[in-house]
Amino acid sequence: MKIEILGTGCPKCKATEKNVRKAVDELKIQAEIIKIEDLQEIINRGVMMTPAVFIDGKAKVVGHVPSPDEIKKLLQK
């Protein structure tokens, strides 16, 4: 599983990364977590509001900080 966190490094983006890592740890799953901070790459993905979370190439969260529980639900689908 590949999880990408798109954001410029703002506090909301950092909170999103922390929550993603917590959810992955709690579920005890193998996941590659990648932080994408390059603004051009974020725009190329069609993301206009950060933070955003992509799971296996698909946008799952855009424009808000997801809770660990919200992330866990997305990972279990």
PDB file of N, CA and C in Angstrom:
ATOM      1  N   MET A   1       0.844  -1.173   0.000  1.00  0.00           N
ATOM      2  CA  MET A   1       0.000   0.000   0.000  1.00  0.00           C
ATOM      3  C   MET A   1       0.892   1.239   0.000  1.00  0.00           C
ATOM      4  N   LYS A   2       0.506   2.217  -0.802  1.00  0.00           N
ATOM      5  CA  LYS A   2       1.263   3.458  -0.903  1.00  0.00           C
ATOM      6  C   LYS A   2       0.366   4.614  -0.468  1.00  0.00           C
ATOM      7  N   ILE A   3       0.815   5.347   0.552  1.00  0.00           N
ATOM      8  CA  ILE A   3       0.069   6.500   1.059  1.00  0.00           C
ATOM      9  C   ILE A   3       0.902   7.741   0.812  1.00  0.00           C
ATOM     10  N   GLU A   4       0.299   8.709   0.121  1.00  0.00           N
ATOM     11  CA  GLU A   4       0.993   9.958  -0.165  1.00  0.00           C
ATOM     12  C   GLU A   4       0.276  11.094   0.554  1.00  0.00           C
ATOM     13  N   ILE A   5       1.053  11.918   1.234  1.00  0.00           N
ATOM     14  CA  ILE A   5       0.520  13.078   1.932  1.00  0.00           C
ATOM     15  C   ILE A   5       1.005  14.299   1.166  1.00  0.00           C
ATOM     16  N   LEU A   6       0.071  15.056   0.620  1.00  0.00           N
ATOM     17  CA  LEU A   6       0.407  16.229  -0.165  1.00  0.00           C
ATOM     18  C   LEU A   6       0.161  17.472   0.671  1.00  0.00           C
ATOM     19  N   GLY A   7       1.189  18.295   0.794  1.00  0.00           N
ATOM     20  CA  GLY A   7       1.074  19.531   1.553  1.00  0.00           C
ATOM     21  C   GLY A   7       2.398  20.257   1.586  1.00  0.00           C
ATOM     22  N   THR A   8       2.330  21.540   1.831  1.00  0.00           N
ATOM     23  CA  THR A   8       3.524  22.378   1.758  1.00  0.00           C
ATOM     24  C   THR A   8       4.344  22.397   3.037  1.00  0.00           C
ATOM     25  N   GLY A   9       3.920  21.695   4.055  1.00  0.00           N
ATOM     26  CA  GLY A   9       4.676  21.668   5.306  1.00  0.00           C
ATOM     27  C   GLY A   9       4.048  22.509   6.403  1.00  0.00           C
ATOM     28  N   CYS A  10       2.825  22.964   6.182  1.00  0.00           N
ATOM     29  CA  CYS A  10       2.116  23.774   7.184  1.00  0.00           C
ATOM     30  C   CYS A  10       1.726  22.901   8.383  1.00  0.00           C
ATOM     31  N   PRO A  11       1.307  23.511   9.486  1.00  0.00           N
ATOM     32  CA  PRO A  11       0.910  22.719  10.657  1.00  0.00           C
ATOM     33  C   PRO A  11      -0.182  21.690  10.359  1.00  0.00           C
ATOM     34  N   LYS A  12      -1.148  22.009   9.502  1.00  0.00           N
ATOM     35  CA  LYS A  12      -2.201  21.045   9.162  1.00  0.00           C
ATOM     36  C   LYS A  12      -1.624  19.846   8.412  1.00  0.00           C
ATOM     37  N   CYS A  13      -0.659  20.120   7.540  1.00  0.00           N
ATOM     38  CA  CYS A  13      -0.032  19.037   6.776  1.00  0.00           C
ATOM     39  C   CYS A  13       0.774  18.127   7.699  1.00  0.00           C
ATOM     40  N   LYS A  14       1.470  18.725   8.655  1.00  0.00           N
ATOM     41  CA  LYS A  14       2.246  17.940   9.618  1.00  0.00           C
ATOM     42  C   LYS A  14       1.325  17.104  10.504  1.00  0.00           C
ATOM     43  N   ALA A  15       0.181  17.673  10.889  1.00  0.00           N
ATOM     44  CA  ALA A  15      -0.790  16.931  11.702  1.00  0.00           C
ATOM     45  C   ALA A  15      -1.350  15.755  10.904  1.00  0.00           C
ATOM     46  N   THR A  16      -1.576  15.971   9.617  1.00  0.00           N
ATOM     47  CA  THR A  16      -2.087  14.894   8.758  1.00  0.00           C
ATOM     48  C   THR A  16      -1.078  13.755   8.689  1.00  0.00           C
ATOM     49  N   GLU A  17       0.196  14.087   8.499  1.00  0.00           N
ATOM     50  CA  GLU A  17       1.227  13.051   8.442  1.00  0.00           C
ATOM     51  C   GLU A  17       1.277  12.271   9.758  1.00  0.00           C
ATOM     52  N   LYS A  18       1.220  12.975  10.864  1.00  0.00           N
ATOM     53  CA  LYS A  18       1.244  12.329  12.180  1.00  0.00           C
ATOM     54  C   LYS A  18       0.057  11.372  12.331  1.00  0.00           C
ATOM     55  N   ASN A  19      -1.136  11.824  11.914  1.00  0.00           N
ATOM     56  CA  ASN A  19      -2.333  10.988  12.034  1.00  0.00           C
ATOM     57  C   ASN A  19      -2.276   9.771  11.115  1.00  0.00           C
ATOM     58  N   VAL A  20      -1.717   9.945   9.916  1.00  0.00           N
ATOM     59  CA  VAL A  20      -1.563   8.808   8.997  1.00  0.00           C
ATOM     60  C   VAL A  20      -0.631   7.771   9.608  1.00  0.00           C
ATOM     61  N   ARG A  21       0.505   8.229  10.120  1.00  0.00           N
ATOM     62  CA  ARG A  21       1.463   7.282  10.722  1.00  0.00           C
ATOM     63  C   ARG A  21       0.852   6.558  11.923  1.00  0.00           C
ATOM     64  N   LYS A  22       0.081   7.286  12.719  1.00  0.00           N
ATOM     65  CA  LYS A  22      -0.574   6.671  13.884  1.00  0.00           C
ATOM     66  C   LYS A  22      -1.573   5.601  13.440  1.00  0.00           C
ATOM     67  N   ALA A  23      -2.372   5.905  12.428  1.00  0.00           N
ATOM     68  CA  ALA A  23      -3.360   4.943  11.939  1.00  0.00           C
ATOM     69  C   ALA A  23      -2.686   3.685  11.392  1.00  0.00           C
ATOM     70  N   VAL A  24      -1.616   3.875  10.630  1.00  0.00           N
ATOM     71  CA  VAL A  24      -0.884   2.730  10.064  1.00  0.00           C
ATOM     72  C   VAL A  24      -0.299   1.876  11.195  1.00  0.00           C
ATOM     73  N   ASP A  25       0.282   2.527  12.198  1.00  0.00           N
ATOM     74  CA  ASP A  25       0.855   1.797  13.337  1.00  0.00           C
ATOM     75  C   ASP A  25      -0.222   1.026  14.089  1.00  0.00           C
ATOM     76  N   GLU A  26      -1.356   1.669  14.331  1.00  0.00           N
ATOM     77  CA  GLU A  26      -2.424   1.017  15.098  1.00  0.00           C
ATOM     78  C   GLU A  26      -3.021  -0.172  14.350  1.00  0.00           C
ATOM     79  N   LEU A  27      -3.091  -0.072  13.027  1.00  0.00           N
ATOM     80  CA  LEU A  27      -3.625  -1.185  12.229  1.00  0.00           C
ATOM     81  C   LEU A  27      -2.583  -2.264  11.957  1.00  0.00           C
ATOM     82  N   LYS A  28      -1.310  -1.933  12.254  1.00  0.00           N
ATOM     83  CA  LYS A  28      -0.209  -2.867  12.027  1.00  0.00           C
ATOM     84  C   LYS A  28      -0.176  -3.352  10.577  1.00  0.00           C
ATOM     85  N   ILE A  29      -0.263  -2.387   9.652  1.00  0.00           N
ATOM     86  CA  ILE A  29      -0.205  -2.732   8.235  1.00  0.00           C
ATOM     87  C   ILE A  29       1.096  -2.206   7.629  1.00  0.00           C
ATOM     88  N   GLN A  30       1.490  -2.828   6.531  1.00  0.00           N
ATOM     89  CA  GLN A  30       2.664  -2.390   5.790  1.00  0.00           C
ATOM     90  C   GLN A  30       2.218  -1.303   4.828  1.00  0.00           C
ATOM     91  N   ALA A  31       2.847  -0.143   4.901  1.00  0.00           N
ATOM     92  CA  ALA A  31       2.505   0.943   3.988  1.00  0.00           C
ATOM     93  C   ALA A  31       3.733   1.804   3.747  1.00  0.00           C
ATOM     94  N   GLU A  32       3.892   2.217   2.510  1.00  0.00           N
ATOM     95  CA  GLU A  32       4.932   3.168   2.158  1.00  0.00           C
ATOM     96  C   GLU A  32       4.296   4.550   2.277  1.00  0.00           C
ATOM     97  N   ILE A  33       4.835   5.375   3.169  1.00  0.00           N
ATOM     98  CA  ILE A  33       4.286   6.714   3.393  1.00  0.00           C
ATOM     99  C   ILE A  33       5.242   7.728   2.779  1.00  0.00           C
ATOM    100  N   ILE A  34       4.709   8.515   1.854  1.00  0.00           N
ATOM    101  CA  ILE A  34       5.514   9.498   1.133  1.00  0.00           C
ATOM    102  C   ILE A  34       4.928  10.881   1.366  1.00  0.00           C
ATOM    103  N   LYS A  35       5.788  11.826   1.690  1.00  0.00           N
ATOM    104  CA  LYS A  35       5.380  13.229   1.870  1.00  0.00           C
ATOM    105  C   LYS A  35       5.746  13.995   0.613  1.00  0.00           C
ATOM    106  N   ILE A  36       4.772  14.631  -0.005  1.00  0.00           N
ATOM    107  CA  ILE A  36       5.001  15.419  -1.214  1.00  0.00           C
ATOM    108  C   ILE A  36       4.766  16.886  -0.883  1.00  0.00           C
ATOM    109  N   GLU A  37       5.847  17.669  -0.929  1.00  0.00           N
ATOM    110  CA  GLU A  37       5.758  19.089  -0.591  1.00  0.00           C
ATOM    111  C   GLU A  37       5.951  19.998  -1.802  1.00  0.00           C
ATOM    112  N   ASP A  38       6.302  19.422  -2.952  1.00  0.00           N
ATOM    113  CA  ASP A  38       6.538  20.217  -4.159  1.00  0.00           C
ATOM    114  C   ASP A  38       5.215  20.779  -4.676  1.00  0.00           C
ATOM    115  N   LEU A  39       5.099  22.108  -4.684  1.00  0.00           N
ATOM    116  CA  LEU A  39       3.852  22.772  -5.054  1.00  0.00           C
ATOM    117  C   LEU A  39       3.413  22.403  -6.469  1.00  0.00           C
ATOM    118  N   GLN A  40       4.341  22.306  -7.399  1.00  0.00           N
ATOM    119  CA  GLN A  40       3.974  21.963  -8.778  1.00  0.00           C
ATOM    120  C   GLN A  40       3.404  20.553  -8.856  1.00  0.00           C
ATOM    121  N   GLU A  41       3.990  19.621  -8.112  1.00  0.00           N
ATOM    122  CA  GLU A  41       3.474  18.242  -8.085  1.00  0.00           C
ATOM    123  C   GLU A  41       2.067  18.209  -7.490  1.00  0.00           C
ATOM    124  N   ILE A  42       1.850  18.993  -6.436  1.00  0.00           N
ATOM    125  CA  ILE A  42       0.528  19.048  -5.806  1.00  0.00           C
ATOM    126  C   ILE A  42      -0.500  19.576  -6.809  1.00  0.00           C
ATOM    127  N   ILE A  43      -0.153  20.645  -7.516  1.00  0.00           N
ATOM    128  CA  ILE A  43      -1.047  21.223  -8.520  1.00  0.00           C
ATOM    129  C   ILE A  43      -1.294  20.234  -9.654  1.00  0.00           C
ATOM    130  N   ASN A  44      -0.240  19.537 -10.077  1.00  0.00           N
ATOM    131  CA  ASN A  44      -0.379  18.552 -11.153  1.00  0.00           C
ATOM    132  C   ASN A  44      -1.347  17.436 -10.789  1.00  0.00           C
ATOM    133  N   ARG A  45      -1.493  17.159  -9.514  1.00  0.00           N
ATOM    134  CA  ARG A  45      -2.433  16.127  -9.050  1.00  0.00           C
ATOM    135  C   ARG A  45      -3.869  16.649  -8.983  1.00  0.00           C
ATOM    136  N   GLY A  46      -4.044  17.944  -9.244  1.00  0.00           N
ATOM    137  CA  GLY A  46      -5.384  18.520  -9.199  1.00  0.00           C
ATOM    138  C   GLY A  46      -5.824  18.933  -7.814  1.00  0.00           C
ATOM    139  N   VAL A  47      -4.890  19.002  -6.879  1.00  0.00           N
ATOM    140  CA  VAL A  47      -5.222  19.362  -5.503  1.00  0.00           C
ATOM    141  C   VAL A  47      -5.138  20.886  -5.362  1.00  0.00           C
ATOM    142  N   MET A  48      -6.244  21.502  -4.974  1.00  0.00           N
ATOM    143  CA  MET A  48      -6.278  22.948  -4.804  1.00  0.00           C
ATOM    144  C   MET A  48      -6.258  23.356  -3.332  1.00  0.00           C
ATOM    145  N   MET A  49      -6.587  22.417  -2.459  1.00  0.00           N
ATOM    146  CA  MET A  49      -6.544  22.679  -1.019  1.00  0.00           C
ATOM    147  C   MET A  49      -5.768  21.563  -0.333  1.00  0.00           C
ATOM    148  N   THR A  50      -4.833  21.961   0.516  1.00  0.00           N
ATOM    149  CA  THR A  50      -4.073  20.963   1.263  1.00  0.00           C
ATOM    150  C   THR A  50      -4.524  21.012   2.722  1.00  0.00           C
ATOM    151  N   PRO A  51      -4.266  19.975   3.467  1.00  0.00           N
ATOM    152  CA  PRO A  51      -3.563  18.749   3.099  1.00  0.00           C
ATOM    153  C   PRO A  51      -4.448  17.814   2.272  1.00  0.00           C
ATOM    154  N   ALA A  52      -3.783  16.884   1.595  1.00  0.00           N
ATOM    155  CA  ALA A  52      -4.482  15.855   0.840  1.00  0.00           C
ATOM    156  C   ALA A  52      -3.800  14.519   1.104  1.00  0.00           C
ATOM    157  N   VAL A  53      -4.595  13.466   1.097  1.00  0.00           N
ATOM    158  CA  VAL A  53      -4.072  12.114   1.291  1.00  0.00           C
ATOM    159  C   VAL A  53      -4.503  11.273   0.093  1.00  0.00           C
ATOM    160  N   PHE A  54      -3.521  10.671  -0.565  1.00  0.00           N
ATOM    161  CA  PHE A  54      -3.774   9.748  -1.666  1.00  0.00           C
ATOM    162  C   PHE A  54      -3.416   8.351  -1.185  1.00  0.00           C
ATOM    163  N   ILE A  55      -4.281   7.394  -1.464  1.00  0.00           N
ATOM    164  CA  ILE A  55      -4.002   5.996  -1.133  1.00  0.00           C
ATOM    165  C   ILE A  55      -3.996   5.223  -2.444  1.00  0.00           C
ATOM    166  N   ASP A  56      -2.857   4.611  -2.732  1.00  0.00           N
ATOM    167  CA  ASP A  56      -2.663   3.868  -3.986  1.00  0.00           C
ATOM    168  C   ASP A  56      -3.064   4.711  -5.200  1.00  0.00           C
ATOM    169  N   GLY A  57      -2.658   5.984  -5.190  1.00  0.00           N
ATOM    170  CA  GLY A  57      -2.860   6.858  -6.340  1.00  0.00           C
ATOM    171  C   GLY A  57      -4.201   7.555  -6.434  1.00  0.00           C
ATOM    172  N   LYS A  58      -5.094   7.299  -5.473  1.00  0.00           N
ATOM    173  CA  LYS A  58      -6.429   7.911  -5.518  1.00  0.00           C
ATOM    174  C   LYS A  58      -6.608   8.879  -4.353  1.00  0.00           C
ATOM    175  N   ALA A  59      -7.148  10.064  -4.651  1.00  0.00           N
ATOM    176  CA  ALA A  59      -7.390  11.064  -3.613  1.00  0.00           C
ATOM    177  C   ALA A  59      -8.488  10.571  -2.680  1.00  0.00           C
ATOM    178  N   LYS A  60      -8.192  10.534  -1.392  1.00  0.00           N
ATOM    179  CA  LYS A  60      -9.166  10.082  -0.393  1.00  0.00           C
ATOM    180  C   LYS A  60      -9.563  11.203   0.560  1.00  0.00           C
ATOM    181  N   VAL A  61      -8.654  12.148   0.797  1.00  0.00           N
ATOM    182  CA  VAL A  61      -8.911  13.281   1.681  1.00  0.00           C
ATOM    183  C   VAL A  61      -8.319  14.515   1.021  1.00  0.00           C
ATOM    184  N   VAL A  62      -9.095  15.591   0.956  1.00  0.00           N
ATOM    185  CA  VAL A  62      -8.587  16.847   0.402  1.00  0.00           C
ATOM    186  C   VAL A  62      -9.135  18.007   1.224  1.00  0.00           C
ATOM    187  N   GLY A  63      -8.243  18.869   1.687  1.00  0.00           N
ATOM    188  CA  GLY A  63      -8.653  20.123   2.302  1.00  0.00           C
ATOM    189  C   GLY A  63      -8.938  20.124   3.782  1.00  0.00           C
ATOM    190  N   HIS A  64      -8.734  19.002   4.451  1.00  0.00           N
ATOM    191  CA  HIS A  64      -8.895  18.995   5.914  1.00  0.00           C
ATOM    192  C   HIS A  64      -7.968  17.954   6.533  1.00  0.00           C
ATOM    193  N   VAL A  65      -7.767  18.096   7.835  1.00  0.00           N
ATOM    194  CA  VAL A  65      -6.916  17.156   8.569  1.00  0.00           C
ATOM    195  C   VAL A  65      -7.778  15.974   9.001  1.00  0.00           C
ATOM    196  N   PRO A  66      -7.517  14.790   8.452  1.00  0.00           N
ATOM    197  CA  PRO A  66      -8.295  13.622   8.850  1.00  0.00           C
ATOM    198  C   PRO A  66      -7.830  13.088  10.209  1.00  0.00           C
ATOM    199  N   SER A  67      -8.777  12.612  10.974  1.00  0.00           N
ATOM    200  CA  SER A  67      -8.435  12.005  12.263  1.00  0.00           C
ATOM    201  C   SER A  67      -7.831  10.623  12.010  1.00  0.00           C
ATOM    202  N   PRO A  68      -7.101  10.091  12.997  1.00  0.00           N
ATOM    203  CA  PRO A  68      -6.597   8.718  12.831  1.00  0.00           C
ATOM    204  C   PRO A  68      -7.716   7.720  12.542  1.00  0.00           C
ATOM    205  N   ASP A  69      -8.874   7.896  13.183  1.00  0.00           N
ATOM    206  CA  ASP A  69      -9.995   6.973  12.942  1.00  0.00           C
ATOM    207  C   ASP A  69     -10.512   7.075  11.511  1.00  0.00           C
ATOM    208  N   GLU A  70     -10.596   8.301  10.977  1.00  0.00           N
ATOM    209  CA  GLU A  70     -11.025   8.482   9.588  1.00  0.00           C
ATOM    210  C   GLU A  70     -10.044   7.787   8.641  1.00  0.00           C
ATOM    211  N   ILE A  71      -8.764   7.931   8.918  1.00  0.00           N
ATOM    212  CA  ILE A  71      -7.738   7.293   8.076  1.00  0.00           C
ATOM    213  C   ILE A  71      -7.849   5.776   8.172  1.00  0.00           C
ATOM    214  N   LYS A  72      -8.054   5.265   9.371  1.00  0.00           N
ATOM    215  CA  LYS A  72      -8.179   3.806   9.539  1.00  0.00           C
ATOM    216  C   LYS A  72      -9.340   3.265   8.702  1.00  0.00           C
ATOM    217  N   LYS A  73     -10.465   3.968   8.692  1.00  0.00           N
ATOM    218  CA  LYS A  73     -11.603   3.523   7.895  1.00  0.00           C
ATOM    219  C   LYS A  73     -11.242   3.479   6.418  1.00  0.00           C
ATOM    220  N   LEU A  74     -10.513   4.467   5.951  1.00  0.00           N
ATOM    221  CA  LEU A  74     -10.109   4.500   4.534  1.00  0.00           C
ATOM    222  C   LEU A  74      -9.150   3.359   4.217  1.00  0.00           C
ATOM    223  N   LEU A  75      -8.260   3.045   5.145  1.00  0.00           N
ATOM    224  CA  LEU A  75      -7.272   1.994   4.904  1.00  0.00           C
ATOM    225  C   LEU A  75      -7.888   0.598   4.949  1.00  0.00           C
ATOM    226  N   GLN A  76      -8.990   0.453   5.635  1.00  0.00           N
ATOM    227  CA  GLN A  76      -9.610  -0.865   5.786  1.00  0.00           C
ATOM    228  C   GLN A  76     -10.574  -1.188   4.647  1.00  0.00           C
ATOM    229  N   LYS A  77     -10.817  -0.252   3.736  1.00  0.00           N
ATOM    230  CA  LYS A  77     -11.738  -0.503   2.625  1.00  0.00           C
ATOM    231  C   LYS A  77     -11.088  -1.362   1.568  1.00  0.00           C
TER     232      LYS A  77
END
